[in-house]
Amino acid sequence: MNDRPNQEPQEAEPVGNKEGSDIDPKLLEILVCPVTHGPLQYDRKAQELISEQAGLAYPIRDGIPIMLSDEARVLTDEEGS
């Protein structure tokens, strides 16, 4: 027996997508770098969350931020400035 027969299950909203949509500002306020616990900047073009303090870029894949340091890309000197 279903308590809510007329309601469809809801899916989570992705952070970004393959087309490069914007990240939810509220989510960006909550997410922090897992290494430094510092703020992250959203790079829409690259679909990455950037931690300038750690010098790392965390990928966003299929709308999901991958917040693992092993998956992060090290920023180049030009990117880190």
PDB file of N, CA and C in Angstrom:
ATOM      1  N   MET A   1       0.845  -1.182   0.000  1.00  0.00           N
ATOM      2  CA  MET A   1       0.000   0.000   0.000  1.00  0.00           C
ATOM      3  C   MET A   1       0.885   1.238   0.000  1.00  0.00           C
ATOM      4  N   ASN A   2       0.611   2.157  -0.897  1.00  0.00           N
ATOM      5  CA  ASN A   2       1.395   3.375  -1.036  1.00  0.00           C
ATOM      6  C   ASN A   2       0.696   4.512  -0.312  1.00  0.00           C
ATOM      7  N   ASP A   3       1.393   5.193   0.598  1.00  0.00           N
ATOM      8  CA  ASP A   3       0.808   6.299   1.353  1.00  0.00           C
ATOM      9  C   ASP A   3       0.550   7.516   0.475  1.00  0.00           C
ATOM     10  N   ARG A   4       1.303   7.654  -0.604  1.00  0.00           N
ATOM     11  CA  ARG A   4       1.166   8.799  -1.499  1.00  0.00           C
ATOM     12  C   ARG A   4       0.992   8.304  -2.940  1.00  0.00           C
ATOM     13  N   PRO A   5      -0.194   7.835  -3.278  1.00  0.00           N
ATOM     14  CA  PRO A   5      -0.380   7.211  -4.588  1.00  0.00           C
ATOM     15  C   PRO A   5      -0.215   8.159  -5.772  1.00  0.00           C
ATOM     16  N   ASN A   6      -0.438   9.444  -5.605  1.00  0.00           N
ATOM     17  CA  ASN A   6      -0.382  10.386  -6.719  1.00  0.00           C
ATOM     18  C   ASN A   6       0.959  11.090  -6.856  1.00  0.00           C
ATOM     19  N   GLN A   7       1.914  10.780  -6.005  1.00  0.00           N
ATOM     20  CA  GLN A   7       3.193  11.475  -6.058  1.00  0.00           C
ATOM     21  C   GLN A   7       4.267  10.585  -6.657  1.00  0.00           C
ATOM     22  N   GLU A   8       5.012  11.161  -7.582  1.00  0.00           N
ATOM     23  CA  GLU A   8       6.143  10.470  -8.206  1.00  0.00           C
ATOM     24  C   GLU A   8       7.367  10.634  -7.313  1.00  0.00           C
ATOM     25  N   PRO A   9       8.282   9.664  -7.312  1.00  0.00           N
ATOM     26  CA  PRO A   9       9.524   9.852  -6.561  1.00  0.00           C
ATOM     27  C   PRO A   9      10.320  11.007  -7.159  1.00  0.00           C
ATOM     28  N   GLN A  10      10.927  11.790  -6.288  1.00  0.00           N
ATOM     29  CA  GLN A  10      11.701  12.939  -6.752  1.00  0.00           C
ATOM     30  C   GLN A  10      13.167  12.570  -6.861  1.00  0.00           C
ATOM     31  N   GLU A  11      13.810  13.104  -7.911  1.00  0.00           N
ATOM     32  CA  GLU A  11      15.238  12.879  -8.099  1.00  0.00           C
ATOM     33  C   GLU A  11      15.999  14.109  -7.637  1.00  0.00           C
ATOM     34  N   ALA A  12      17.230  13.899  -7.196  1.00  0.00           N
ATOM     35  CA  ALA A  12      18.066  15.012  -6.760  1.00  0.00           C
ATOM     36  C   ALA A  12      18.414  15.890  -7.951  1.00  0.00           C
ATOM     37  N   GLU A  13      18.499  17.188  -7.716  1.00  0.00           N
ATOM     38  CA  GLU A  13      18.902  18.138  -8.751  1.00  0.00           C
ATOM     39  C   GLU A  13      20.409  18.081  -8.921  1.00  0.00           C
ATOM     40  N   PRO A  14      20.908  17.958 -10.138  1.00  0.00           N
ATOM     41  CA  PRO A  14      22.353  17.957 -10.339  1.00  0.00           C
ATOM     42  C   PRO A  14      22.947  19.339 -10.134  1.00  0.00           C
ATOM     43  N   VAL A  15      24.225  19.377  -9.781  1.00  0.00           N
ATOM     44  CA  VAL A  15      24.940  20.634  -9.592  1.00  0.00           C
ATOM     45  C   VAL A  15      25.141  21.328 -10.923  1.00  0.00           C
ATOM     46  N   GLY A  16      25.598  20.618 -11.892  1.00  0.00           N
ATOM     47  CA  GLY A  16      25.835  21.134 -13.237  1.00  0.00           C
ATOM     48  C   GLY A  16      25.476  20.030 -14.195  1.00  0.00           C
ATOM     49  N   ASN A  17      25.620  20.275 -15.469  1.00  0.00           N
ATOM     50  CA  ASN A  17      25.369  19.195 -16.406  1.00  0.00           C
ATOM     51  C   ASN A  17      26.316  19.297 -17.579  1.00  0.00           C
ATOM     52  N   LYS A  18      26.148  18.410 -18.519  1.00  0.00           N
ATOM     53  CA  LYS A  18      27.065  18.365 -19.654  1.00  0.00           C
ATOM     54  C   LYS A  18      27.024  19.643 -20.472  1.00  0.00           C
ATOM     55  N   GLU A  19      25.912  20.366 -20.422  1.00  0.00           N
ATOM     56  CA  GLU A  19      25.807  21.607 -21.170  1.00  0.00           C
ATOM     57  C   GLU A  19      26.454  22.775 -20.431  1.00  0.00           C
ATOM     58  N   GLY A  20      26.920  22.584 -19.207  1.00  0.00           N
ATOM     59  CA  GLY A  20      27.595  23.651 -18.475  1.00  0.00           C
ATOM     60  C   GLY A  20      26.653  24.572 -17.723  1.00  0.00           C
ATOM     61  N   SER A  21      25.605  24.031 -17.132  1.00  0.00           N
ATOM     62  CA  SER A  21      24.682  24.873 -16.385  1.00  0.00           C
ATOM     63  C   SER A  21      25.345  25.392 -15.119  1.00  0.00           C
ATOM     64  N   ASP A  22      24.737  26.406 -14.546  1.00  0.00           N
ATOM     65  CA  ASP A  22      25.287  27.005 -13.337  1.00  0.00           C
ATOM     66  C   ASP A  22      25.054  26.118 -12.130  1.00  0.00           C
ATOM     67  N   ILE A  23      25.943  26.266 -11.158  1.00  0.00           N
ATOM     68  CA  ILE A  23      25.837  25.533  -9.904  1.00  0.00           C
ATOM     69  C   ILE A  23      24.853  26.270  -8.991  1.00  0.00           C
ATOM     70  N   ASP A  24      24.160  25.529  -8.166  1.00  0.00           N
ATOM     71  CA  ASP A  24      23.249  26.128  -7.197  1.00  0.00           C
ATOM     72  C   ASP A  24      24.084  26.911  -6.185  1.00  0.00           C
ATOM     73  N   PRO A  25      23.863  28.220  -6.053  1.00  0.00           N
ATOM     74  CA  PRO A  25      24.664  29.024  -5.121  1.00  0.00           C
ATOM     75  C   PRO A  25      24.590  28.524  -3.675  1.00  0.00           C
ATOM     76  N   LYS A  26      23.442  27.979  -3.281  1.00  0.00           N
ATOM     77  CA  LYS A  26      23.313  27.462  -1.911  1.00  0.00           C
ATOM     78  C   LYS A  26      24.220  26.250  -1.701  1.00  0.00           C
ATOM     79  N   LEU A  27      24.327  25.408  -2.723  1.00  0.00           N
ATOM     80  CA  LEU A  27      25.204  24.248  -2.623  1.00  0.00           C
ATOM     81  C   LEU A  27      26.660  24.691  -2.557  1.00  0.00           C
ATOM     82  N   LEU A  28      27.007  25.689  -3.350  1.00  0.00           N
ATOM     83  CA  LEU A  28      28.376  26.199  -3.352  1.00  0.00           C
ATOM     84  C   LEU A  28      28.749  26.779  -1.987  1.00  0.00           C
ATOM     85  N   GLU A  29      27.788  27.372  -1.289  1.00  0.00           N
ATOM     86  CA  GLU A  29      28.038  27.899   0.057  1.00  0.00           C
ATOM     87  C   GLU A  29      28.339  26.774   1.045  1.00  0.00           C
ATOM     88  N   ILE A  30      27.737  25.614   0.842  1.00  0.00           N
ATOM     89  CA  ILE A  30      27.879  24.484   1.768  1.00  0.00           C
ATOM     90  C   ILE A  30      29.153  23.689   1.504  1.00  0.00           C
ATOM     91  N   LEU A  31      29.469  23.479   0.225  1.00  0.00           N
ATOM     92  CA  LEU A  31      30.635  22.668  -0.131  1.00  0.00           C
ATOM     93  C   LEU A  31      31.933  23.383   0.218  1.00  0.00           C
ATOM     94  N   VAL A  32      32.878  22.624   0.750  1.00  0.00           N
ATOM     95  CA  VAL A  32      34.216  23.145   1.039  1.00  0.00           C
ATOM     96  C   VAL A  32      35.241  22.147   0.523  1.00  0.00           C
ATOM     97  N   CYS A  33      36.449  22.616   0.369  1.00  0.00           N
ATOM     98  CA  CYS A  33      37.540  21.742  -0.049  1.00  0.00           C
ATOM     99  C   CYS A  33      37.768  20.687   1.031  1.00  0.00           C
ATOM    100  N   PRO A  34      37.812  19.414   0.675  1.00  0.00           N
ATOM    101  CA  PRO A  34      38.041  18.375   1.681  1.00  0.00           C
ATOM    102  C   PRO A  34      39.456  18.392   2.257  1.00  0.00           C
ATOM    103  N   VAL A  35      40.381  19.072   1.596  1.00  0.00           N
ATOM    104  CA  VAL A  35      41.765  19.138   2.080  1.00  0.00           C
ATOM    105  C   VAL A  35      41.951  20.302   3.048  1.00  0.00           C
ATOM    106  N   THR A  36      41.505  21.505   2.642  1.00  0.00           N
ATOM    107  CA  THR A  36      41.741  22.711   3.449  1.00  0.00           C
ATOM    108  C   THR A  36      40.516  23.171   4.224  1.00  0.00           C
ATOM    109  N   HIS A  37      39.365  22.651   3.876  1.00  0.00           N
ATOM    110  CA  HIS A  37      38.080  23.097   4.424  1.00  0.00           C
ATOM    111  C   HIS A  37      37.799  24.554   4.071  1.00  0.00           C
ATOM    112  N   GLY A  38      38.477  25.037   3.039  1.00  0.00           N
ATOM    113  CA  GLY A  38      38.285  26.402   2.558  1.00  0.00           C
ATOM    114  C   GLY A  38      37.225  26.468   1.466  1.00  0.00           C
ATOM    115  N   PRO A  39      36.938  27.685   1.004  1.00  0.00           N
ATOM    116  CA  PRO A  39      35.899  27.888  -0.009  1.00  0.00           C
ATOM    117  C   PRO A  39      36.308  27.363  -1.380  1.00  0.00           C
ATOM    118  N   LEU A  40      35.300  27.141  -2.209  1.00  0.00           N
ATOM    119  CA  LEU A  40      35.503  26.662  -3.577  1.00  0.00           C
ATOM    120  C   LEU A  40      34.924  27.675  -4.558  1.00  0.00           C
ATOM    121  N   GLN A  41      35.551  27.786  -5.709  1.00  0.00           N
ATOM    122  CA  GLN A  41      35.055  28.633  -6.792  1.00  0.00           C
ATOM    123  C   GLN A  41      34.588  27.725  -7.923  1.00  0.00           C
ATOM    124  N   TYR A  42      33.452  28.061  -8.525  1.00  0.00           N
ATOM    125  CA  TYR A  42      32.903  27.259  -9.610  1.00  0.00           C
ATOM    126  C   TYR A  42      33.444  27.752 -10.944  1.00  0.00           C
ATOM    127  N   ASP A  43      34.062  26.848 -11.694  1.00  0.00           N
ATOM    128  CA  ASP A  43      34.529  27.129 -13.051  1.00  0.00           C
ATOM    129  C   ASP A  43      33.536  26.476 -14.004  1.00  0.00           C
ATOM    130  N   ARG A  44      32.630  27.286 -14.537  1.00  0.00           N
ATOM    131  CA  ARG A  44      31.552  26.760 -15.374  1.00  0.00           C
ATOM    132  C   ARG A  44      32.094  26.111 -16.643  1.00  0.00           C
ATOM    133  N   LYS A  45      33.046  26.765 -17.293  1.00  0.00           N
ATOM    134  CA  LYS A  45      33.573  26.259 -18.561  1.00  0.00           C
ATOM    135  C   LYS A  45      34.235  24.891 -18.382  1.00  0.00           C
ATOM    136  N   ALA A  46      35.050  24.750 -17.337  1.00  0.00           N
ATOM    137  CA  ALA A  46      35.771  23.495 -17.092  1.00  0.00           C
ATOM    138  C   ALA A  46      34.937  22.479 -16.320  1.00  0.00           C
ATOM    139  N   GLN A  47      33.784  22.916 -15.771  1.00  0.00           N
ATOM    140  CA  GLN A  47      32.956  22.061 -14.920  1.00  0.00           C
ATOM    141  C   GLN A  47      33.789  21.495 -13.776  1.00  0.00           C
ATOM    142  N   GLU A  48      34.374  22.428 -13.009  1.00  0.00           N
ATOM    143  CA  GLU A  48      35.203  22.068 -11.859  1.00  0.00           C
ATOM    144  C   GLU A  48      34.915  23.012 -10.705  1.00  0.00           C
ATOM    145  N   LEU A  49      35.173  22.518  -9.505  1.00  0.00           N
ATOM    146  CA  LEU A  49      35.167  23.343  -8.304  1.00  0.00           C
ATOM    147  C   LEU A  49      36.622  23.550  -7.918  1.00  0.00           C
ATOM    148  N   ILE A  50      37.038  24.806  -7.822  1.00  0.00           N
ATOM    149  CA  ILE A  50      38.438  25.160  -7.626  1.00  0.00           C
ATOM    150  C   ILE A  50      38.703  25.528  -6.173  1.00  0.00           C
ATOM    151  N   SER A  51      39.729  24.916  -5.603  1.00  0.00           N
ATOM    152  CA  SER A  51      40.241  25.296  -4.287  1.00  0.00           C
ATOM    153  C   SER A  51      41.583  25.978  -4.508  1.00  0.00           C
ATOM    154  N   GLU A  52      41.582  27.312  -4.433  1.00  0.00           N
ATOM    155  CA  GLU A  52      42.832  28.049  -4.625  1.00  0.00           C
ATOM    156  C   GLU A  52      43.810  27.766  -3.488  1.00  0.00           C
ATOM    157  N   GLN A  53      43.293  27.578  -2.267  1.00  0.00           N
ATOM    158  CA  GLN A  53      44.160  27.301  -1.116  1.00  0.00           C
ATOM    159  C   GLN A  53      44.924  25.996  -1.289  1.00  0.00           C
ATOM    160  N   ALA A  54      44.257  24.971  -1.791  1.00  0.00           N
ATOM    161  CA  ALA A  54      44.894  23.660  -1.968  1.00  0.00           C
ATOM    162  C   ALA A  54      45.562  23.530  -3.330  1.00  0.00           C
ATOM    163  N   GLY A  55      45.213  24.419  -4.263  1.00  0.00           N
ATOM    164  CA  GLY A  55      45.749  24.306  -5.614  1.00  0.00           C
ATOM    165  C   GLY A  55      45.172  23.118  -6.361  1.00  0.00           C
ATOM    166  N   LEU A  56      43.889  22.817  -6.091  1.00  0.00           N
ATOM    167  CA  LEU A  56      43.236  21.654  -6.690  1.00  0.00           C
ATOM    168  C   LEU A  56      41.937  22.049  -7.381  1.00  0.00           C
ATOM    169  N   ALA A  57      41.583  21.274  -8.404  1.00  0.00           N
ATOM    170  CA  ALA A  57      40.321  21.448  -9.118  1.00  0.00           C
ATOM    171  C   ALA A  57      39.559  20.128  -9.056  1.00  0.00           C
ATOM    172  N   TYR A  58      38.381  20.164  -8.430  1.00  0.00           N
ATOM    173  CA  TYR A  58      37.550  18.968  -8.285  1.00  0.00           C
ATOM    174  C   TYR A  58      36.568  18.900  -9.454  1.00  0.00           C
ATOM    175  N   PRO A  59      36.528  17.775 -10.168  1.00  0.00           N
ATOM    176  CA  PRO A  59      35.653  17.681 -11.340  1.00  0.00           C
ATOM    177  C   PRO A  59      34.180  17.555 -10.963  1.00  0.00           C
ATOM    178  N   ILE A  60      33.338  18.003 -11.882  1.00  0.00           N
ATOM    179  CA  ILE A  60      31.900  17.775 -11.788  1.00  0.00           C
ATOM    180  C   ILE A  60      31.565  16.847 -12.942  1.00  0.00           C
ATOM    181  N   ARG A  61      31.108  15.646 -12.611  1.00  0.00           N
ATOM    182  CA  ARG A  61      30.797  14.635 -13.629  1.00  0.00           C
ATOM    183  C   ARG A  61      29.313  14.304 -13.593  1.00  0.00           C
ATOM    184  N   ASP A  62      28.675  14.445 -14.726  1.00  0.00           N
ATOM    185  CA  ASP A  62      27.235  14.186 -14.832  1.00  0.00           C
ATOM    186  C   ASP A  62      26.461  14.950 -13.771  1.00  0.00           C
ATOM    187  N   GLY A  63      26.896  16.177 -13.495  1.00  0.00           N
ATOM    188  CA  GLY A  63      26.202  17.030 -12.542  1.00  0.00           C
ATOM    189  C   GLY A  63      26.539  16.778 -11.086  1.00  0.00           C
ATOM    190  N   ILE A  64      27.482  15.888 -10.814  1.00  0.00           N
ATOM    191  CA  ILE A  64      27.824  15.531  -9.432  1.00  0.00           C
ATOM    192  C   ILE A  64      29.258  15.950  -9.137  1.00  0.00           C
ATOM    193  N   PRO A  65      29.465  16.799  -8.113  1.00  0.00           N
ATOM    194  CA  PRO A  65      30.835  17.170  -7.759  1.00  0.00           C
ATOM    195  C   PRO A  65      31.563  15.986  -7.127  1.00  0.00           C
ATOM    196  N   ILE A  66      32.750  15.697  -7.623  1.00  0.00           N
ATOM    197  CA  ILE A  66      33.565  14.595  -7.106  1.00  0.00           C
ATOM    198  C   ILE A  66      34.562  15.203  -6.121  1.00  0.00           C
ATOM    199  N   MET A  67      34.218  15.140  -4.849  1.00  0.00           N
ATOM    200  CA  MET A  67      34.990  15.824  -3.810  1.00  0.00           C
ATOM    201  C   MET A  67      36.018  14.891  -3.163  1.00  0.00           C
ATOM    202  N   LEU A  68      36.805  14.246  -3.985  1.00  0.00           N
ATOM    203  CA  LEU A  68      37.862  13.349  -3.524  1.00  0.00           C
ATOM    204  C   LEU A  68      39.198  13.910  -3.974  1.00  0.00           C
ATOM    205  N   SER A  69      40.138  14.040  -3.050  1.00  0.00           N
ATOM    206  CA  SER A  69      41.437  14.610  -3.416  1.00  0.00           C
ATOM    207  C   SER A  69      42.158  13.751  -4.453  1.00  0.00           C
ATOM    208  N   ASP A  70      41.924  12.446  -4.442  1.00  0.00           N
ATOM    209  CA  ASP A  70      42.547  11.562  -5.433  1.00  0.00           C
ATOM    210  C   ASP A  70      42.025  11.818  -6.848  1.00  0.00           C
ATOM    211  N   GLU A  71      40.829  12.354  -6.961  1.00  0.00           N
ATOM    212  CA  GLU A  71      40.221  12.643  -8.265  1.00  0.00           C
ATOM    213  C   GLU A  71      40.492  14.075  -8.723  1.00  0.00           C
ATOM    214  N   ALA A  72      41.015  14.912  -7.838  1.00  0.00           N
ATOM    215  CA  ALA A  72      41.235  16.325  -8.159  1.00  0.00           C
ATOM    216  C   ALA A  72      42.444  16.503  -9.063  1.00  0.00           C
ATOM    217  N   ARG A  73      42.375  17.553  -9.866  1.00  0.00           N
ATOM    218  CA  ARG A  73      43.470  17.922 -10.758  1.00  0.00           C
ATOM    219  C   ARG A  73      44.284  19.016 -10.074  1.00  0.00           C
ATOM    220  N   VAL A  74      45.618  18.899 -10.149  1.00  0.00           N
ATOM    221  CA  VAL A  74      46.491  19.927  -9.580  1.00  0.00           C
ATOM    222  C   VAL A  74      46.482  21.122 -10.525  1.00  0.00           C
ATOM    223  N   LEU A  75      46.264  22.314  -9.968  1.00  0.00           N
ATOM    224  CA  LEU A  75      46.248  23.527 -10.775  1.00  0.00           C
ATOM    225  C   LEU A  75      47.651  23.873 -11.250  1.00  0.00           C
ATOM    226  N   THR A  76      47.726  24.415 -12.446  1.00  0.00           N
ATOM    227  CA  THR A  76      49.014  24.886 -12.959  1.00  0.00           C
ATOM    228  C   THR A  76      49.359  26.208 -12.284  1.00  0.00           C
ATOM    229  N   ASP A  77      50.598  26.655 -12.426  1.00  0.00           N
ATOM    230  CA  ASP A  77      51.015  27.929 -11.838  1.00  0.00           C
ATOM    231  C   ASP A  77      50.152  29.079 -12.352  1.00  0.00           C
ATOM    232  N   GLU A  78      49.808  29.064 -13.635  1.00  0.00           N
ATOM    233  CA  GLU A  78      48.988  30.123 -14.219  1.00  0.00           C
ATOM    234  C   GLU A  78      47.579  30.124 -13.631  1.00  0.00           C
ATOM    235  N   GLU A  79      47.026  28.942 -13.391  1.00  0.00           N
ATOM    236  CA  GLU A  79      45.675  28.839 -12.837  1.00  0.00           C
ATOM    237  C   GLU A  79      45.641  29.226 -11.368  1.00  0.00           C
ATOM    238  N   GLY A  80      46.693  28.938 -10.656  1.00  0.00           N
ATOM    239  CA  GLY A  80      46.719  29.176  -9.216  1.00  0.00           C
ATOM    240  C   GLY A  80      46.928  30.619  -8.829  1.00  0.00           C
ATOM    241  N   SER A  81      47.284  31.484  -9.776  1.00  0.00           N
ATOM    242  CA  SER A  81      47.544  32.874  -9.410  1.00  0.00           C
ATOM    243  C   SER A  81      46.304  33.702  -9.391  1.00  0.00           C
TER     244      SER A  81
END
